[in-house]
Amino acid sequence: MHYVRVLAIFLGLSLLALPSIARAQTYCNGTLIGGLLYGTPAVSATSLAFGSYSPQASLAQQSNVTVTAACAGGLAGGTLPPFTVAMSTGSGSFSQRKMISGTYSLKYQIYTSASLSTVWGDGTGSTSTIAGGNGGVASQTLTGYGVISINQYVTPGSYTDTITVTLSY
């Protein structure tokens, strides 16, 4: 058997912050100080780590990633406004993401649910974003479901990719 060590796949982070202040509810207690808005939603993510990969395994290898949206900075309290979280393609495309090791690549995918039916992307093509922030909470964690399919005979090494996560509200 030969194994491929797959290290952390994630993450570069991005924040698209275009809040609407004129709302009846207090969202993240937005505070304007010196022309800058403090107390806005922010996003963070864990690494998606598959560990060692065997192409001869009988089942696809799976691992989860969590993305957390939370009120950051500003005054204590407030709730998240309605938001969506999108993911970039990384080194591949939405139809086939790729982790890279030198000139070699290992195909994988990230889905929005455990049913593995919808690719977590930017909402274009057959991809979907994940929505949240409607439950009156100050933070919310979303789960992505990563999968490496079987029978990929690649050169052993550390395969990585960087996905940009964007929070829009």
C-alpha atoms as a PDB file:
ATOM      1  CA  MET A   1       0.000   0.000   0.000  1.00  0.00           C
ATOM      2  CA  HIS A   2       1.053   3.519  -0.494  1.00  0.00           C
ATOM      3  CA  TYR A   3      -0.294   6.454   1.498  1.00  0.00           C
ATOM      4  CA  VAL A   4      -0.403  10.145   0.788  1.00  0.00           C
ATOM      5  CA  ARG A   5      -0.168  12.534   3.711  1.00  0.00           C
ATOM      6  CA  VAL A   6      -2.761  15.247   3.344  1.00  0.00           C
ATOM      7  CA  LEU A   7      -2.213  18.248   5.571  1.00  0.00           C
ATOM      8  CA  ALA A   8      -4.418  21.210   6.290  1.00  0.00           C
ATOM      9  CA  ILE A   9      -6.344  22.339   3.257  1.00  0.00           C
ATOM     10  CA  PHE A  10      -7.660  25.555   4.696  1.00  0.00           C
ATOM     11  CA  LEU A  11      -7.785  28.696   4.789  1.00  0.00           C
ATOM     12  CA  GLY A  12      -7.250  32.174   3.584  1.00  0.00           C
ATOM     13  CA  LEU A  13      -9.992  34.378   5.012  1.00  0.00           C
ATOM     14  CA  SER A  14     -11.864  37.256   3.459  1.00  0.00           C
ATOM     15  CA  LEU A  15     -14.515  39.546   4.849  1.00  0.00           C
ATOM     16  CA  LEU A  16     -16.964  41.453   2.705  1.00  0.00           C
ATOM     17  CA  ALA A  17     -18.448  43.955   5.131  1.00  0.00           C
ATOM     18  CA  LEU A  18     -21.326  46.003   3.753  1.00  0.00           C
ATOM     19  CA  PRO A  19     -23.631  46.363   6.769  1.00  0.00           C
ATOM     20  CA  SER A  20     -26.887  48.211   6.800  1.00  0.00           C
ATOM     21  CA  ILE A  21     -27.039  50.285   9.986  1.00  0.00           C
ATOM     22  CA  ALA A  22     -30.689  51.381   9.554  1.00  0.00           C
ATOM     23  CA  ARG A  23     -32.347  48.338  11.127  1.00  0.00           C
ATOM     24  CA  ALA A  24     -34.758  48.062  14.014  1.00  0.00           C
ATOM     25  CA  GLN A  25     -32.746  45.254  15.633  1.00  0.00           C
ATOM     26  CA  THR A  26     -29.217  45.795  16.982  1.00  0.00           C
ATOM     27  CA  TYR A  27     -26.877  43.710  14.855  1.00  0.00           C
ATOM     28  CA  CYS A  28     -23.495  43.188  16.503  1.00  0.00           C
ATOM     29  CA  ASN A  29     -23.901  46.578  18.232  1.00  0.00           C
ATOM     30  CA  GLY A  30     -22.210  48.346  15.312  1.00  0.00           C
ATOM     31  CA  THR A  31     -20.359  51.419  16.601  1.00  0.00           C
ATOM     32  CA  LEU A  32     -18.926  54.122  14.351  1.00  0.00           C
ATOM     33  CA  ILE A  33     -15.595  55.370  15.751  1.00  0.00           C
ATOM     34  CA  GLY A  34     -13.340  57.668  13.745  1.00  0.00           C
ATOM     35  CA  GLY A  35     -15.106  56.744  10.509  1.00  0.00           C
ATOM     36  CA  LEU A  36     -14.610  52.995  11.055  1.00  0.00           C
ATOM     37  CA  LEU A  37     -17.417  50.604  11.926  1.00  0.00           C
ATOM     38  CA  TYR A  38     -16.671  48.389  14.921  1.00  0.00           C
ATOM     39  CA  GLY A  39     -18.817  45.513  16.108  1.00  0.00           C
ATOM     40  CA  THR A  40     -19.432  43.893  12.733  1.00  0.00           C
ATOM     41  CA  PRO A  41     -19.774  40.218  11.752  1.00  0.00           C
ATOM     42  CA  ALA A  42     -16.475  38.401  11.228  1.00  0.00           C
ATOM     43  CA  VAL A  43     -15.653  34.937   9.910  1.00  0.00           C
ATOM     44  CA  SER A  44     -13.131  32.268  10.962  1.00  0.00           C
ATOM     45  CA  ALA A  45     -12.607  28.663   9.924  1.00  0.00           C
ATOM     46  CA  THR A  46     -10.889  25.494  11.058  1.00  0.00           C
ATOM     47  CA  SER A  47      -8.545  23.548   8.804  1.00  0.00           C
ATOM     48  CA  LEU A  48      -9.913  20.691   6.765  1.00  0.00           C
ATOM     49  CA  ALA A  49      -7.407  17.906   7.473  1.00  0.00           C
ATOM     50  CA  PHE A  50      -7.836  14.496   5.882  1.00  0.00           C
ATOM     51  CA  GLY A  51      -4.764  12.831   7.411  1.00  0.00           C
ATOM     52  CA  SER A  52      -3.144   9.959   5.488  1.00  0.00           C
ATOM     53  CA  TYR A  53      -4.846   8.891   2.279  1.00  0.00           C
ATOM     54  CA  SER A  54      -4.913   5.402   0.780  1.00  0.00           C
ATOM     55  CA  PRO A  55      -6.119   5.168  -2.837  1.00  0.00           C
ATOM     56  CA  GLN A  56      -6.951   1.504  -2.216  1.00  0.00           C
ATOM     57  CA  ALA A  57      -9.504   2.254   0.513  1.00  0.00           C
ATOM     58  CA  SER A  58     -12.987   0.908  -0.146  1.00  0.00           C
ATOM     59  CA  LEU A  59     -14.692   4.193   0.819  1.00  0.00           C
ATOM     60  CA  ALA A  60     -14.019   7.847   0.072  1.00  0.00           C
ATOM     61  CA  GLN A  61     -12.128   9.639   2.838  1.00  0.00           C
ATOM     62  CA  GLN A  62     -14.094  12.337   4.654  1.00  0.00           C
ATOM     63  CA  SER A  63     -13.351  15.206   7.017  1.00  0.00           C
ATOM     64  CA  ASN A  64     -15.319  18.229   8.203  1.00  0.00           C
ATOM     65  CA  VAL A  65     -14.499  21.918   8.343  1.00  0.00           C
ATOM     66  CA  THR A  66     -16.290  24.441  10.515  1.00  0.00           C
ATOM     67  CA  VAL A  67     -16.841  28.074   9.592  1.00  0.00           C
ATOM     68  CA  THR A  68     -17.916  30.424  12.380  1.00  0.00           C
ATOM     69  CA  ALA A  69     -19.581  33.794  11.920  1.00  0.00           C
ATOM     70  CA  ALA A  70     -19.562  35.951  15.047  1.00  0.00           C
ATOM     71  CA  CYS A  71     -20.005  39.509  16.229  1.00  0.00           C
ATOM     72  CA  ALA A  72     -16.512  40.970  16.576  1.00  0.00           C
ATOM     73  CA  GLY A  73     -15.286  44.171  18.204  1.00  0.00           C
ATOM     74  CA  GLY A  74     -17.573  46.981  19.285  1.00  0.00           C
ATOM     75  CA  LEU A  75     -19.797  46.813  22.313  1.00  0.00           C
ATOM     76  CA  ALA A  76     -20.792  43.520  23.921  1.00  0.00           C
ATOM     77  CA  GLY A  77     -24.007  41.928  22.704  1.00  0.00           C
ATOM     78  CA  GLY A  78     -26.084  42.170  19.583  1.00  0.00           C
ATOM     79  CA  THR A  79     -26.990  39.445  17.114  1.00  0.00           C
ATOM     80  CA  LEU A  80     -25.743  38.450  13.703  1.00  0.00           C
ATOM     81  CA  PRO A  81     -27.607  39.957  10.763  1.00  0.00           C
ATOM     82  CA  PRO A  82     -28.781  37.551   8.049  1.00  0.00           C
ATOM     83  CA  PHE A  83     -25.642  36.472   6.139  1.00  0.00           C
ATOM     84  CA  THR A  84     -24.300  34.040   3.563  1.00  0.00           C
ATOM     85  CA  VAL A  85     -20.948  32.265   3.522  1.00  0.00           C
ATOM     86  CA  ALA A  86     -19.312  31.446   0.188  1.00  0.00           C
ATOM     87  CA  MET A  87     -16.152  29.472  -0.628  1.00  0.00           C
ATOM     88  CA  SER A  88     -13.736  29.945  -3.530  1.00  0.00           C
ATOM     89  CA  THR A  89     -12.567  27.214  -5.906  1.00  0.00           C
ATOM     90  CA  GLY A  90      -9.055  26.992  -4.493  1.00  0.00           C
ATOM     91  CA  SER A  91      -6.555  25.423  -6.907  1.00  0.00           C
ATOM     92  CA  GLY A  92      -9.167  23.654  -9.005  1.00  0.00           C
ATOM     93  CA  SER A  93     -12.698  24.505 -10.028  1.00  0.00           C
ATOM     94  CA  PHE A  94     -16.104  24.072  -8.441  1.00  0.00           C
ATOM     95  CA  SER A  95     -16.591  20.906 -10.444  1.00  0.00           C
ATOM     96  CA  GLN A  96     -13.288  19.519  -9.103  1.00  0.00           C
ATOM     97  CA  ARG A  97     -11.216  21.125  -6.357  1.00  0.00           C
ATOM     98  CA  LYS A  98      -7.560  20.064  -6.175  1.00  0.00           C
ATOM     99  CA  MET A  99      -4.890  19.878  -3.506  1.00  0.00           C
ATOM    100  CA  ILE A 100      -1.390  20.376  -4.886  1.00  0.00           C
ATOM    101  CA  SER A 101       2.004  18.860  -4.060  1.00  0.00           C
ATOM    102  CA  GLY A 102       4.624  20.152  -6.484  1.00  0.00           C
ATOM    103  CA  THR A 103       3.343  19.237  -9.963  1.00  0.00           C
ATOM    104  CA  TYR A 104       0.899  16.605  -8.646  1.00  0.00           C
ATOM    105  CA  SER A 105      -2.713  17.079  -7.641  1.00  0.00           C
ATOM    106  CA  LEU A 106      -5.267  15.183  -5.554  1.00  0.00           C
ATOM    107  CA  LYS A 107      -8.976  15.779  -6.230  1.00  0.00           C
ATOM    108  CA  TYR A 108     -11.380  16.588  -3.399  1.00  0.00           C
ATOM    109  CA  GLN A 109     -14.642  18.415  -2.805  1.00  0.00           C
ATOM    110  CA  ILE A 110     -16.449  20.370  -0.044  1.00  0.00           C
ATOM    111  CA  TYR A 111     -20.213  19.991   0.322  1.00  0.00           C
ATOM    112  CA  THR A 112     -22.885  21.951   2.209  1.00  0.00           C
ATOM    113  CA  SER A 113     -24.422  18.892   3.923  1.00  0.00           C
ATOM    114  CA  ALA A 114     -23.663  15.320   4.958  1.00  0.00           C
ATOM    115  CA  SER A 115     -25.718  14.075   1.997  1.00  0.00           C
ATOM    116  CA  LEU A 116     -22.807  15.271  -0.222  1.00  0.00           C
ATOM    117  CA  SER A 117     -25.228  16.506  -2.873  1.00  0.00           C
ATOM    118  CA  THR A 118     -24.442  20.248  -3.154  1.00  0.00           C
ATOM    119  CA  VAL A 119     -20.967  21.755  -3.559  1.00  0.00           C
ATOM    120  CA  TRP A 120     -20.218  24.656  -1.199  1.00  0.00           C
ATOM    121  CA  GLY A 121     -19.198  27.454  -3.540  1.00  0.00           C
ATOM    122  CA  ASP A 122     -20.253  30.980  -4.449  1.00  0.00           C
ATOM    123  CA  GLY A 123     -23.771  30.220  -5.674  1.00  0.00           C
ATOM    124  CA  THR A 124     -22.832  30.055  -9.356  1.00  0.00           C
ATOM    125  CA  GLY A 125     -23.411  26.999 -11.505  1.00  0.00           C
ATOM    126  CA  SER A 126     -24.532  24.083  -9.382  1.00  0.00           C
ATOM    127  CA  THR A 127     -22.851  25.396  -6.198  1.00  0.00           C
ATOM    128  CA  SER A 128     -24.539  26.896  -3.159  1.00  0.00           C
ATOM    129  CA  THR A 129     -23.663  29.255  -0.340  1.00  0.00           C
ATOM    130  CA  ILE A 130     -24.858  28.647   3.224  1.00  0.00           C
ATOM    131  CA  ALA A 131     -27.141  31.184   4.902  1.00  0.00           C
ATOM    132  CA  GLY A 132     -27.360  32.003   8.587  1.00  0.00           C
ATOM    133  CA  GLY A 133     -27.888  34.752  11.109  1.00  0.00           C
ATOM    134  CA  ASN A 134     -31.638  34.558  11.370  1.00  0.00           C
ATOM    135  CA  GLY A 135     -31.797  32.985  14.816  1.00  0.00           C
ATOM    136  CA  GLY A 136     -30.973  35.970  17.044  1.00  0.00           C
ATOM    137  CA  VAL A 137     -27.538  34.630  18.062  1.00  0.00           C
ATOM    138  CA  ALA A 138     -24.180  36.404  18.447  1.00  0.00           C
ATOM    139  CA  SER A 139     -22.269  33.546  16.746  1.00  0.00           C
ATOM    140  CA  GLN A 140     -23.118  30.650  14.477  1.00  0.00           C
ATOM    141  CA  THR A 141     -21.048  27.693  13.296  1.00  0.00           C
ATOM    142  CA  LEU A 142     -21.600  26.115   9.874  1.00  0.00           C
ATOM    143  CA  THR A 143     -20.175  22.741   8.813  1.00  0.00           C
ATOM    144  CA  GLY A 144     -18.630  21.807   5.476  1.00  0.00           C
ATOM    145  CA  TYR A 145     -18.180  18.170   4.468  1.00  0.00           C
ATOM    146  CA  GLY A 146     -14.903  17.375   2.689  1.00  0.00           C
ATOM    147  CA  VAL A 147     -14.398  14.249   0.568  1.00  0.00           C
ATOM    148  CA  ILE A 148     -11.443  12.706  -1.264  1.00  0.00           C
ATOM    149  CA  SER A 149     -12.589  10.014  -3.686  1.00  0.00           C
ATOM    150  CA  ILE A 150     -10.923   6.593  -3.888  1.00  0.00           C
ATOM    151  CA  ASN A 151      -8.554   5.272  -6.561  1.00  0.00           C
ATOM    152  CA  GLN A 152      -6.407   8.378  -6.971  1.00  0.00           C
ATOM    153  CA  TYR A 153      -2.919   6.960  -7.369  1.00  0.00           C
ATOM    154  CA  VAL A 154      -0.686   9.965  -6.795  1.00  0.00           C
ATOM    155  CA  THR A 155       2.880  10.443  -5.664  1.00  0.00           C
ATOM    156  CA  PRO A 156       3.168  10.467  -1.859  1.00  0.00           C
ATOM    157  CA  GLY A 157       3.614  13.915  -0.369  1.00  0.00           C
ATOM    158  CA  SER A 158       1.878  16.727   1.481  1.00  0.00           C
ATOM    159  CA  TYR A 159      -1.054  17.990  -0.575  1.00  0.00           C
ATOM    160  CA  THR A 160      -2.568  21.380   0.281  1.00  0.00           C
ATOM    161  CA  ASP A 161      -4.994  23.935  -1.066  1.00  0.00           C
ATOM    162  CA  THR A 162      -6.199  27.356   0.061  1.00  0.00           C
ATOM    163  CA  ILE A 163      -9.871  28.238   0.021  1.00  0.00           C
ATOM    164  CA  THR A 164     -11.097  31.790   0.575  1.00  0.00           C
ATOM    165  CA  VAL A 165     -14.190  32.036   2.762  1.00  0.00           C
ATOM    166  CA  THR A 166     -16.355  35.136   2.249  1.00  0.00           C
ATOM    167  CA  LEU A 167     -19.025  36.333   4.675  1.00  0.00           C
ATOM    168  CA  SER A 168     -21.600  38.650   3.064  1.00  0.00           C
ATOM    169  CA  TYR A 169     -24.341  40.441   4.949  1.00  0.00           C
END
